[in-house]
């Protein structure tokens, strides 16, 4: 994963309040060039590139952005760009089946979701948004397709993860009863399968990381989310021409500082979103990321 940076080259994690910053510094710091997110378009073209994802059939969703330095080796191994996003939980739905209602016709759109906000930390948040919008601008220039929105990322950030993927399944999908209390999986069509569980961890006071139960995540928690980019070419009748959309997909969540109890007791606010927009309707693409174990000191994920 890469570390976001502000326009003057300061790591974005150093712009958070002292308590949050100290906890982030215990997780990891960048040591290699590909771990530092570019601050301008000139640096971005040397750092990343957009390539075709041969595992995705749809021509509207078959592009991925990869590290140029890591993906120029021998063979077909590529390393998709992923970034560390920090913020405070605004809304969260990361149950094993996400927002699926048990209806077969809605399987393709089922997703787990987390929404992050700044909690008033404007400097760190603005730096985060600037980096993400720079990536969107880079993709638009590379693909020669205008962005549907000039700056796709503003205010709060919504990240999603697909619950199911297409697969010719012969056996029934089983999970612990607590993950499917209403028995919805009995209605899952045979051509769909359940994605692996979302890795969730908690950083302890000494900096070490342990696995964490998803039900303990709550509104107001300060977290780190590993995010990658989902590129969608859009041809909507409401827009006069082909445009480019960019969505954030999560692959793991790390709880860093829990919210005060008063915040945890508040009701969650709703998210206005199209759950299907950011999800790729295809089997998961197996791609390699830089080594290290899930929730290691460097925080990287390995397939």
Protein backbone atom coordinates (compact mmCIF):
# COMPACT_ATOMS: atom_id res chain seq x y z
CA UNK A 1 0.00 0.00 0.00
CA UNK A 2 1.02 3.59 -0.55
CA UNK A 3 1.05 6.57 1.77
CA UNK A 4 -0.81 9.71 0.71
CA UNK A 5 1.11 13.00 0.66
CA UNK A 6 0.19 16.67 0.77
CA UNK A 7 1.12 19.12 -1.99
CA UNK A 8 4.31 20.14 -0.20
CA UNK A 9 5.48 16.55 0.22
CA UNK A 10 4.43 15.98 3.84
CA UNK A 11 2.90 12.59 4.53
CA UNK A 12 -0.83 13.01 5.08
CA UNK A 13 -0.70 10.86 8.21
CA UNK A 14 1.45 13.58 9.83
CA UNK A 15 -1.40 16.09 9.39
CA UNK A 16 -3.83 14.29 11.71
CA UNK A 17 -4.14 15.34 15.38
CA UNK A 18 -1.30 14.24 17.67
CA UNK A 19 -3.02 11.16 19.15
CA UNK A 20 -4.03 9.83 15.72
CA UNK A 21 -0.63 10.68 14.22
CA UNK A 22 1.26 8.84 16.97
CA UNK A 23 -0.82 5.71 16.45
CA UNK A 24 -0.35 5.83 12.67
CA UNK A 25 3.43 6.15 13.01
CA UNK A 26 3.44 2.90 15.00
CA UNK A 27 1.96 1.00 12.06
CA UNK A 28 4.44 1.75 9.28
CA UNK A 29 6.38 4.38 7.36
CA UNK A 30 7.30 4.40 3.66
CA UNK A 31 10.72 3.02 2.76
CA UNK A 32 10.43 2.55 -1.02
CA UNK A 33 9.56 4.97 -3.82
CA UNK A 34 6.34 3.21 -4.86
CA UNK A 35 5.02 3.59 -1.31
CA UNK A 36 4.87 7.38 -1.59
CA UNK A 37 1.86 8.72 -3.49
CA UNK A 38 2.78 11.38 -6.09
CA UNK A 39 1.93 15.03 -5.51
CA UNK A 40 1.54 16.11 -9.16
CA UNK A 41 0.57 14.74 -12.56
CA UNK A 42 4.18 14.74 -13.81
CA UNK A 43 5.24 12.37 -11.05
CA UNK A 44 2.09 10.30 -11.40
CA UNK A 45 2.81 9.30 -15.02
CA UNK A 46 6.17 7.87 -13.89
CA UNK A 47 4.64 6.11 -10.89
CA UNK A 48 1.48 4.42 -12.23
CA UNK A 49 -0.13 3.22 -15.43
CA UNK A 50 -3.57 2.08 -16.56
CA UNK A 51 -3.72 -1.38 -18.18
CA UNK A 52 -6.39 -3.78 -19.40
CA UNK A 53 -7.67 -6.36 -16.93
CA UNK A 54 -8.05 -9.48 -19.06
CA UNK A 55 -10.09 -11.23 -16.37
CA UNK A 56 -12.99 -8.79 -16.72
CA UNK A 57 -15.22 -9.24 -19.76
CA UNK A 58 -17.01 -5.89 -19.76
CA UNK A 59 -15.21 -3.27 -21.84
CA UNK A 60 -16.66 -0.64 -19.52
CA UNK A 61 -14.93 -2.09 -16.43
CA UNK A 62 -11.77 -3.82 -17.67
CA UNK A 63 -9.18 -1.19 -16.77
CA UNK A 64 -6.99 -1.18 -13.65
CA UNK A 65 -4.29 1.16 -12.39
CA UNK A 66 -1.02 -0.53 -11.39
CA UNK A 67 2.39 0.43 -10.01
CA UNK A 68 4.66 1.02 -12.98
CA UNK A 69 7.84 0.15 -11.04
CA UNK A 70 6.52 -3.16 -9.68
CA UNK A 71 4.55 -4.36 -12.70
CA UNK A 72 7.34 -4.29 -15.30
CA UNK A 73 8.81 -7.64 -14.29
CA UNK A 74 8.71 -11.04 -15.95
CA UNK A 75 5.39 -12.75 -16.59
CA UNK A 76 1.84 -11.51 -16.12
CA UNK A 77 2.04 -10.50 -12.46
CA UNK A 78 0.74 -6.99 -11.86
CA UNK A 79 0.49 -4.92 -8.70
CA UNK A 80 -2.64 -2.77 -8.51
CA UNK A 81 -2.24 0.56 -6.77
CA UNK A 82 -3.67 0.58 -3.26
CA UNK A 83 -3.60 3.39 -0.72
CA UNK A 84 -3.96 3.86 3.02
CA UNK A 85 -7.04 5.95 3.79
CA UNK A 86 -7.61 7.30 7.27
CA UNK A 87 -10.71 8.90 8.69
CA UNK A 88 -13.55 8.60 11.17
CA UNK A 89 -16.38 6.15 10.53
CA UNK A 90 -19.57 7.93 9.50
CA UNK A 91 -21.56 4.86 8.47
CA UNK A 92 -20.67 1.20 8.30
CA UNK A 93 -22.23 -2.03 7.04
CA UNK A 94 -19.61 -4.77 6.87
CA UNK A 95 -21.72 -7.74 7.90
CA UNK A 96 -20.78 -11.00 6.17
CA UNK A 97 -23.59 -10.58 3.64
CA UNK A 98 -23.46 -6.77 3.51
CA UNK A 99 -26.71 -5.19 2.34
CA UNK A 100 -28.03 -8.26 0.51
CA UNK A 101 -31.75 -8.76 1.12
CA UNK A 102 -31.83 -12.43 0.11
CA UNK A 103 -33.39 -11.75 -3.31
CA UNK A 104 -31.55 -13.57 -6.14
CA UNK A 105 -32.01 -10.61 -8.49
CA UNK A 106 -30.03 -8.38 -6.11
CA UNK A 107 -27.01 -10.66 -5.65
CA UNK A 108 -24.88 -8.76 -8.19
CA UNK A 109 -25.29 -5.48 -6.29
CA UNK A 110 -24.73 -6.78 -2.74
CA UNK A 111 -21.90 -4.93 -1.03
CA UNK A 112 -20.21 -4.17 2.26
CA UNK A 113 -19.80 -0.45 2.82
CA UNK A 114 -17.92 1.98 5.02
CA UNK A 115 -18.16 5.76 4.88
CA UNK A 116 -15.40 7.99 6.28
CA UNK A 117 -15.46 11.64 7.32
CA UNK A 118 -12.97 14.24 8.54
CA UNK A 119 -14.42 14.98 12.00
CA UNK A 120 -13.16 18.55 11.52
CA UNK A 121 -9.54 17.64 10.67
CA UNK A 122 -9.52 19.78 7.54
CA UNK A 123 -5.81 19.76 6.72
CA UNK A 124 -5.44 15.97 6.68
CA UNK A 125 -8.78 15.47 4.96
CA UNK A 126 -8.15 18.01 2.21
CA UNK A 127 -4.80 16.35 1.53
CA UNK A 128 -6.57 12.98 1.24
CA UNK A 129 -9.15 14.33 -1.22
CA UNK A 130 -6.48 16.07 -3.31
CA UNK A 131 -4.55 12.82 -3.74
CA UNK A 132 -7.62 10.86 -4.78
CA UNK A 133 -8.71 13.55 -7.22
CA UNK A 134 -5.20 13.62 -8.69
CA UNK A 135 -5.52 9.90 -9.40
CA UNK A 136 -8.88 10.51 -11.06
CA UNK A 137 -7.38 13.26 -13.23
CA UNK A 138 -4.48 10.98 -14.19
CA UNK A 139 -6.85 8.20 -15.26
CA UNK A 140 -8.95 10.63 -17.27
CA UNK A 141 -5.91 11.97 -19.12
CA UNK A 142 -4.49 8.48 -19.69
CA UNK A 143 -7.74 7.05 -21.07
CA UNK A 144 -8.71 10.27 -22.86
CA UNK A 145 -12.19 10.17 -21.32
CA UNK A 146 -13.59 13.12 -19.34
CA UNK A 147 -14.54 12.60 -15.72
CA UNK A 148 -18.27 12.64 -15.03
CA UNK A 149 -17.49 14.96 -12.13
CA UNK A 150 -14.39 17.16 -12.29
CA UNK A 151 -13.48 16.23 -8.72
CA UNK A 152 -15.11 12.87 -7.92
CA UNK A 153 -13.98 12.87 -4.29
CA UNK A 154 -15.33 15.55 -1.98
CA UNK A 155 -16.69 15.78 1.53
CA UNK A 156 -17.14 12.14 2.75
CA UNK A 157 -15.59 9.00 1.25
CA UNK A 158 -17.59 5.84 0.55
CA UNK A 159 -15.75 2.53 0.09
CA UNK A 160 -17.38 -0.70 -0.98
CA UNK A 161 -16.54 -4.37 -1.31
CA UNK A 162 -18.39 -6.96 -3.36
CA UNK A 163 -20.08 -9.68 -1.28
CA UNK A 164 -20.48 -12.28 -4.05
CA UNK A 165 -18.71 -13.17 -7.27
CA UNK A 166 -19.71 -15.26 -10.28
CA UNK A 167 -18.63 -18.89 -10.02
CA UNK A 168 -19.95 -22.29 -11.04
CA UNK A 169 -20.62 -23.60 -7.55
CA UNK A 170 -21.65 -27.20 -6.85
CA UNK A 171 -21.88 -27.15 -3.05
CA UNK A 172 -23.97 -25.00 -0.75
CA UNK A 173 -22.30 -22.00 0.85
CA UNK A 174 -22.10 -22.29 4.63
CA UNK A 175 -21.12 -19.70 7.23
CA UNK A 176 -21.51 -19.48 11.00
CA UNK A 177 -25.12 -18.85 12.04
CA UNK A 178 -24.12 -15.46 13.44
CA UNK A 179 -23.06 -14.36 9.93
CA UNK A 180 -26.39 -15.37 8.36
CA UNK A 181 -29.00 -15.29 11.14
CA UNK A 182 -31.91 -15.09 8.69
CA UNK A 183 -30.75 -17.99 6.52
CA UNK A 184 -30.46 -15.88 3.36
CA UNK A 185 -27.73 -17.99 1.78
CA UNK A 186 -30.25 -20.72 0.99
CA UNK A 187 -31.54 -18.36 -1.72
CA UNK A 188 -28.12 -17.78 -3.31
CA UNK A 189 -28.16 -18.83 -7.01
CA UNK A 190 -25.70 -21.60 -7.95
CA UNK A 191 -23.81 -19.33 -10.34
CA UNK A 192 -22.71 -17.10 -7.46
CA UNK A 193 -20.30 -17.72 -4.57
CA UNK A 194 -19.42 -15.86 -1.37
CA UNK A 195 -16.27 -13.76 -1.28
CA UNK A 196 -13.72 -14.44 1.45
CA UNK A 197 -14.25 -12.66 4.74
CA UNK A 198 -13.16 -9.02 5.01
CA UNK A 199 -9.97 -8.78 7.14
CA UNK A 200 -10.54 -6.50 10.14
CA UNK A 201 -7.94 -5.72 12.79
CA UNK A 202 -7.35 -3.52 15.82
CA UNK A 203 -4.18 -1.66 16.71
CA UNK A 204 -3.26 -2.07 20.38
CA UNK A 205 -1.54 0.57 22.51
CA UNK A 206 1.89 -0.98 21.95
CA UNK A 207 1.43 -0.80 18.17
CA UNK A 208 0.77 -4.50 17.67
CA UNK A 209 -2.26 -5.60 15.69
CA UNK A 210 -4.80 -8.32 16.43
CA UNK A 211 -7.90 -9.54 14.64
CA UNK A 212 -11.07 -7.66 15.51
CA UNK A 213 -14.75 -8.55 15.45
CA UNK A 214 -16.67 -6.51 12.89
CA UNK A 215 -19.52 -5.76 15.29
CA UNK A 216 -17.13 -3.70 17.45
CA UNK A 217 -16.58 -1.13 14.70
CA UNK A 218 -18.81 1.89 15.24
CA UNK A 219 -19.53 5.47 14.24
CA UNK A 220 -16.73 7.86 15.24
CA UNK A 221 -13.92 5.27 15.31
CA UNK A 222 -10.65 6.45 13.72
CA UNK A 223 -9.63 3.77 11.23
CA UNK A 224 -7.29 2.93 8.39
CA UNK A 225 -8.78 1.33 5.28
CA UNK A 226 -6.81 -0.27 2.47
CA UNK A 227 -8.38 1.03 -0.75
CA UNK A 228 -7.98 0.30 -4.45
CA UNK A 229 -9.57 1.98 -7.45
CA UNK A 230 -12.49 0.71 -9.53
CA UNK A 231 -12.64 2.37 -12.97
CA UNK A 232 -16.00 2.50 -14.74
CA UNK A 233 -16.66 3.92 -18.21
CA UNK A 234 -20.19 5.34 -18.17
CA UNK A 235 -22.62 5.85 -21.05
CA UNK A 236 -25.67 7.34 -19.35
CA UNK A 237 -28.45 9.09 -21.23
CA UNK A 238 -28.37 11.96 -18.74
CA UNK A 239 -24.78 12.78 -19.74
CA UNK A 240 -24.11 13.97 -23.30
CA UNK A 241 -21.05 11.79 -23.86
CA UNK A 242 -18.96 8.92 -22.52
CA UNK A 243 -17.54 9.74 -19.11
CA UNK A 244 -15.32 8.19 -16.47
CA UNK A 245 -16.28 7.22 -12.93
CA UNK A 246 -13.86 6.27 -10.18
CA UNK A 247 -14.88 4.33 -7.08
CA UNK A 248 -13.02 3.18 -3.97
CA UNK A 249 -12.97 -0.52 -3.06
CA UNK A 250 -11.80 -1.69 0.37
CA UNK A 251 -9.79 -4.82 1.12
CA UNK A 252 -9.18 -4.48 4.87
CA UNK A 253 -10.03 -2.28 7.86
CA UNK A 254 -7.85 -1.45 10.85
CA UNK A 255 -9.40 0.10 13.96
CA UNK A 256 -6.91 2.58 15.44
CA UNK A 257 -8.76 4.69 18.03
CA UNK A 258 -12.23 3.80 19.28
CA UNK A 259 -14.84 6.53 19.52
CA UNK A 260 -16.06 7.79 22.90
CA UNK A 261 -19.05 5.80 24.14
CA UNK A 262 -21.37 8.77 23.55
CA UNK A 263 -20.62 8.57 19.81
CA UNK A 264 -20.99 4.81 19.65
CA UNK A 265 -24.54 5.06 21.02
CA UNK A 266 -25.71 7.44 18.28
CA UNK A 267 -27.82 6.13 15.41
CA UNK A 268 -26.03 5.67 12.07
CA UNK A 269 -26.90 8.05 9.27
CA UNK A 270 -28.05 6.80 5.88
CA UNK A 271 -25.87 6.64 2.77
CA UNK A 272 -27.25 7.74 -0.58
CA UNK A 273 -25.55 5.47 -3.08
CA UNK A 274 -26.04 3.00 -5.87
CA UNK A 275 -24.64 -0.20 -4.45
CA UNK A 276 -24.11 -1.72 -7.86
CA UNK A 277 -22.16 1.15 -9.40
CA UNK A 278 -18.78 0.44 -7.86
CA UNK A 279 -18.91 -3.33 -8.03
CA UNK A 280 -17.37 -5.34 -10.86
CA UNK A 281 -19.72 -8.10 -12.03
CA UNK A 282 -17.10 -10.78 -12.55
CA UNK A 283 -15.06 -13.39 -10.71
CA UNK A 284 -12.38 -11.89 -8.46
CA UNK A 285 -9.12 -11.11 -10.25
CA UNK A 286 -6.13 -12.74 -8.60
CA UNK A 287 -3.38 -10.16 -8.45
CA UNK A 288 -0.26 -9.95 -6.35
CA UNK A 289 0.50 -7.14 -3.95
CA UNK A 290 3.85 -6.43 -2.31
CA UNK A 291 4.61 -9.12 0.32
CA UNK A 292 3.87 -9.06 4.04
CA UNK A 293 1.07 -10.71 5.96
CA UNK A 294 -2.35 -9.22 6.58
CA UNK A 295 -2.12 -6.86 9.56
CA UNK A 296 1.67 -7.09 9.70
CA UNK A 297 3.63 -4.05 10.87
CA UNK A 298 3.66 -2.78 7.29
CA UNK A 299 -0.06 -3.38 6.93
CA UNK A 300 0.19 -4.92 3.45
CA UNK A 301 -2.18 -7.55 2.16
CA UNK A 302 -0.99 -10.56 0.21
CA UNK A 303 -3.30 -12.73 -1.87
